[in-house]
Amino acid sequence: MSPYSYAILLLLAIVSIINAGQKVCPGYGFIKPPNNCKSTCSILKDKCPIGKKCCFRRQQPCGFHCVVPKDNQPKPGKCPLLSSKQIFRNWYVCDLHFCDVDNDCRGTAKCCYNPCRATICIEPQAAKRVFS
């Protein structure tokens, strides 16, 4: 193999490692932020120490603070389409917040948005097989 091939393989490995687990702020669903919140960071200029991310905290002191984010390791499968006619548990309940990432859900369930944009744990759609 040429040196260029090794360089390309190394670059691809680094990119896949970086993109493997996106860091996600812990969420709270649909909440009205408390009054008199004071932030110690800005989501526009995320200058938190390594391993932390500027996220909103509802607990005191409320506001944007540098916190340890959740790792997003996506599970296999796809979330149901929002226009799905199937009936899913909690599909039309709007004031829920069960999860932030797939790992918050048990078993094979994924963290998906329902039509109200609330996050719920739901079994992924079965992959359609393509026969040739």
C-alpha atoms as a PDB file:
ATOM      1  CA  MET A   1       0.000   0.000   0.000  1.00  0.00           C
ATOM      2  CA  SER A   2       1.189   3.492  -0.768  1.00  0.00           C
ATOM      3  CA  PRO A   3       1.735   6.133   1.933  1.00  0.00           C
ATOM      4  CA  TYR A   4      -1.272   8.006   0.536  1.00  0.00           C
ATOM      5  CA  SER A   5      -3.498   4.987   1.109  1.00  0.00           C
ATOM      6  CA  TYR A   6      -2.394   4.787   4.741  1.00  0.00           C
ATOM      7  CA  ALA A   7      -3.013   8.517   5.173  1.00  0.00           C
ATOM      8  CA  ILE A   8      -6.523   8.218   3.730  1.00  0.00           C
ATOM      9  CA  LEU A   9      -7.344   5.221   5.948  1.00  0.00           C
ATOM     10  CA  LEU A  10      -6.074   7.068   9.007  1.00  0.00           C
ATOM     11  CA  LEU A  11      -8.139  10.144   8.121  1.00  0.00           C
ATOM     12  CA  LEU A  12     -11.281   8.029   7.639  1.00  0.00           C
ATOM     13  CA  ALA A  13     -10.711   6.304  10.986  1.00  0.00           C
ATOM     14  CA  ILE A  14     -10.323   9.640  12.779  1.00  0.00           C
ATOM     15  CA  VAL A  15     -13.464  11.096  11.167  1.00  0.00           C
ATOM     16  CA  SER A  16     -15.519   8.009  12.059  1.00  0.00           C
ATOM     17  CA  ILE A  17     -14.325   8.150  15.677  1.00  0.00           C
ATOM     18  CA  ILE A  18     -15.173  11.854  15.939  1.00  0.00           C
ATOM     19  CA  ASN A  19     -18.663  11.412  14.462  1.00  0.00           C
ATOM     20  CA  ALA A  20     -19.455   8.122  16.237  1.00  0.00           C
ATOM     21  CA  GLY A  21     -21.018   9.650  19.330  1.00  0.00           C
ATOM     22  CA  GLN A  22     -22.392  13.142  19.133  1.00  0.00           C
ATOM     23  CA  LYS A  23     -22.596  14.871  22.509  1.00  0.00           C
ATOM     24  CA  VAL A  24     -26.164  15.787  23.471  1.00  0.00           C
ATOM     25  CA  CYS A  25     -27.379  18.127  26.216  1.00  0.00           C
ATOM     26  CA  PRO A  26     -29.716  16.541  28.771  1.00  0.00           C
ATOM     27  CA  GLY A  27     -33.209  17.796  27.958  1.00  0.00           C
ATOM     28  CA  TYR A  28     -36.277  18.609  29.951  1.00  0.00           C
ATOM     29  CA  GLY A  29     -39.057  18.581  27.366  1.00  0.00           C
ATOM     30  CA  PHE A  30     -41.465  21.454  27.128  1.00  0.00           C
ATOM     31  CA  ILE A  31     -40.784  23.680  30.122  1.00  0.00           C
ATOM     32  CA  LYS A  32     -41.086  27.339  30.854  1.00  0.00           C
ATOM     33  CA  PRO A  33     -37.653  28.535  31.985  1.00  0.00           C
ATOM     34  CA  PRO A  34     -37.707  29.831  35.563  1.00  0.00           C
ATOM     35  CA  ASN A  35     -37.258  33.555  36.143  1.00  0.00           C
ATOM     36  CA  ASN A  36     -33.932  35.094  37.157  1.00  0.00           C
ATOM     37  CA  CYS A  37     -31.723  32.451  35.549  1.00  0.00           C
ATOM     38  CA  LYS A  38     -28.025  33.262  35.348  1.00  0.00           C
ATOM     39  CA  SER A  39     -25.848  31.646  32.696  1.00  0.00           C
ATOM     40  CA  THR A  40     -22.134  30.927  33.011  1.00  0.00           C
ATOM     41  CA  CYS A  41     -21.635  30.036  29.325  1.00  0.00           C
ATOM     42  CA  SER A  42     -23.149  30.754  25.928  1.00  0.00           C
ATOM     43  CA  ILE A  43     -24.361  28.181  23.413  1.00  0.00           C
ATOM     44  CA  LEU A  44     -23.174  30.550  20.680  1.00  0.00           C
ATOM     45  CA  LYS A  45     -19.628  30.511  22.064  1.00  0.00           C
ATOM     46  CA  ASP A  46     -19.280  27.091  23.674  1.00  0.00           C
ATOM     47  CA  LYS A  47     -16.065  27.645  25.627  1.00  0.00           C
ATOM     48  CA  CYS A  48     -16.491  24.886  28.163  1.00  0.00           C
ATOM     49  CA  PRO A  49     -13.642  22.696  29.404  1.00  0.00           C
ATOM     50  CA  ILE A  50     -12.908  19.504  27.472  1.00  0.00           C
ATOM     51  CA  GLY A  51     -15.586  16.897  28.142  1.00  0.00           C
ATOM     52  CA  LYS A  52     -18.309  19.448  28.930  1.00  0.00           C
ATOM     53  CA  LYS A  53     -20.881  21.300  26.826  1.00  0.00           C
ATOM     54  CA  CYS A  54     -22.887  24.485  27.363  1.00  0.00           C
ATOM     55  CA  CYS A  55     -26.413  23.248  28.157  1.00  0.00           C
ATOM     56  CA  PHE A  56     -29.537  24.639  29.802  1.00  0.00           C
ATOM     57  CA  ARG A  57     -30.133  23.499  33.392  1.00  0.00           C
ATOM     58  CA  ARG A  58     -33.535  23.760  34.999  1.00  0.00           C
ATOM     59  CA  GLN A  59     -32.238  23.094  38.501  1.00  0.00           C
ATOM     60  CA  GLN A  60     -30.773  25.907  40.573  1.00  0.00           C
ATOM     61  CA  PRO A  61     -28.728  27.689  39.544  1.00  0.00           C
ATOM     62  CA  CYS A  62     -30.818  27.657  36.384  1.00  0.00           C
ATOM     63  CA  GLY A  63     -29.464  28.904  33.073  1.00  0.00           C
ATOM     64  CA  PHE A  64     -26.775  27.777  30.650  1.00  0.00           C
ATOM     65  CA  HIS A  65     -23.849  26.048  32.346  1.00  0.00           C
ATOM     66  CA  CYS A  66     -21.002  23.738  31.370  1.00  0.00           C
ATOM     67  CA  VAL A  67     -22.228  20.200  32.076  1.00  0.00           C
ATOM     68  CA  VAL A  68     -21.200  16.682  31.098  1.00  0.00           C
ATOM     69  CA  PRO A  69     -23.270  15.863  27.985  1.00  0.00           C
ATOM     70  CA  LYS A  70     -24.771  12.520  27.063  1.00  0.00           C
ATOM     71  CA  ASP A  71     -23.133  10.335  24.407  1.00  0.00           C
ATOM     72  CA  ASN A  72     -25.379   9.612  21.464  1.00  0.00           C
ATOM     73  CA  GLN A  73     -24.707   6.071  20.265  1.00  0.00           C
ATOM     74  CA  PRO A  74     -27.528   5.510  17.775  1.00  0.00           C
ATOM     75  CA  LYS A  75     -29.241   2.114  17.839  1.00  0.00           C
ATOM     76  CA  PRO A  76     -30.062   0.327  14.583  1.00  0.00           C
ATOM     77  CA  GLY A  77     -33.287   1.136  12.778  1.00  0.00           C
ATOM     78  CA  LYS A  78     -35.189   4.276  11.921  1.00  0.00           C
ATOM     79  CA  CYS A  79     -37.779   6.257  13.810  1.00  0.00           C
ATOM     80  CA  PRO A  80     -41.353   6.036  12.479  1.00  0.00           C
ATOM     81  CA  LEU A  81     -42.313   8.802  10.078  1.00  0.00           C
ATOM     82  CA  LEU A  82     -44.166  11.636  11.785  1.00  0.00           C
ATOM     83  CA  SER A  83     -46.949  11.167   9.243  1.00  0.00           C
ATOM     84  CA  SER A  84     -47.316   7.499  10.201  1.00  0.00           C
ATOM     85  CA  LYS A  85     -50.903   6.272  10.457  1.00  0.00           C
ATOM     86  CA  GLN A  86     -49.908   3.543  12.911  1.00  0.00           C
ATOM     87  CA  ILE A  87     -50.945   3.948  16.526  1.00  0.00           C
ATOM     88  CA  PHE A  88     -47.999   4.092  18.896  1.00  0.00           C
ATOM     89  CA  ARG A  89     -48.097   4.540  22.653  1.00  0.00           C
ATOM     90  CA  ASN A  90     -47.683   8.259  23.542  1.00  0.00           C
ATOM     91  CA  TRP A  91     -47.664   9.153  19.820  1.00  0.00           C
ATOM     92  CA  TYR A  92     -49.956  12.173  20.262  1.00  0.00           C
ATOM     93  CA  VAL A  93     -49.086  13.217  23.822  1.00  0.00           C
ATOM     94  CA  CYS A  94     -47.361  16.585  23.647  1.00  0.00           C
ATOM     95  CA  ASP A  95     -45.985  17.266  27.130  1.00  0.00           C
ATOM     96  CA  LEU A  96     -43.620  14.295  27.429  1.00  0.00           C
ATOM     97  CA  HIS A  97     -39.878  13.944  27.579  1.00  0.00           C
ATOM     98  CA  PHE A  98     -38.752  10.349  27.996  1.00  0.00           C
ATOM     99  CA  CYS A  99     -35.318  10.481  26.422  1.00  0.00           C
ATOM    100  CA  ASP A 100     -32.495  12.521  24.936  1.00  0.00           C
ATOM    101  CA  VAL A 101     -30.541   9.760  23.183  1.00  0.00           C
ATOM    102  CA  ASP A 102     -31.207   6.145  22.134  1.00  0.00           C
ATOM    103  CA  ASN A 103     -29.310   4.814  25.167  1.00  0.00           C
ATOM    104  CA  ASP A 104     -31.978   6.340  27.434  1.00  0.00           C
ATOM    105  CA  CYS A 105     -34.428   3.768  26.013  1.00  0.00           C
ATOM    106  CA  ARG A 106     -34.625   0.083  27.007  1.00  0.00           C
ATOM    107  CA  GLY A 107     -33.794  -2.765  24.689  1.00  0.00           C
ATOM    108  CA  THR A 108     -34.004  -1.995  20.993  1.00  0.00           C
ATOM    109  CA  ALA A 109     -36.239   1.070  21.396  1.00  0.00           C
ATOM    110  CA  LYS A 110     -34.972   4.354  19.967  1.00  0.00           C
ATOM    111  CA  CYS A 111     -35.442   7.929  21.143  1.00  0.00           C
ATOM    112  CA  CYS A 112     -37.730   9.490  18.521  1.00  0.00           C
ATOM    113  CA  TYR A 113     -39.816  12.608  18.088  1.00  0.00           C
ATOM    114  CA  ASN A 114     -43.583  12.241  18.032  1.00  0.00           C
ATOM    115  CA  PRO A 115     -45.762  14.605  15.927  1.00  0.00           C
ATOM    116  CA  CYS A 116     -45.744  17.132  18.818  1.00  0.00           C
ATOM    117  CA  ARG A 117     -41.892  17.110  18.825  1.00  0.00           C
ATOM    118  CA  ALA A 118     -41.820  15.448  22.257  1.00  0.00           C
ATOM    119  CA  THR A 119     -39.227  12.685  22.626  1.00  0.00           C
ATOM    120  CA  ILE A 120     -40.473   9.177  23.333  1.00  0.00           C
ATOM    121  CA  CYS A 121     -38.944   5.693  23.385  1.00  0.00           C
ATOM    122  CA  ILE A 122     -40.379   3.644  20.541  1.00  0.00           C
ATOM    123  CA  GLU A 123     -39.485   0.493  18.634  1.00  0.00           C
ATOM    124  CA  PRO A 124     -37.818   1.348  15.332  1.00  0.00           C
ATOM    125  CA  GLN A 125     -39.444   0.613  12.012  1.00  0.00           C
ATOM    126  CA  ALA A 126     -38.507  -2.708  10.516  1.00  0.00           C
ATOM    127  CA  ALA A 127     -36.032  -2.362   7.693  1.00  0.00           C
ATOM    128  CA  LYS A 128     -37.534  -3.167   4.323  1.00  0.00           C
ATOM    129  CA  ARG A 129     -35.666  -5.882   2.484  1.00  0.00           C
ATOM    130  CA  VAL A 130     -34.860  -5.280  -1.125  1.00  0.00           C
ATOM    131  CA  PHE A 131     -34.718  -8.403  -3.231  1.00  0.00           C
ATOM    132  CA  SER A 132     -32.912  -8.359  -6.536  1.00  0.00           C
END
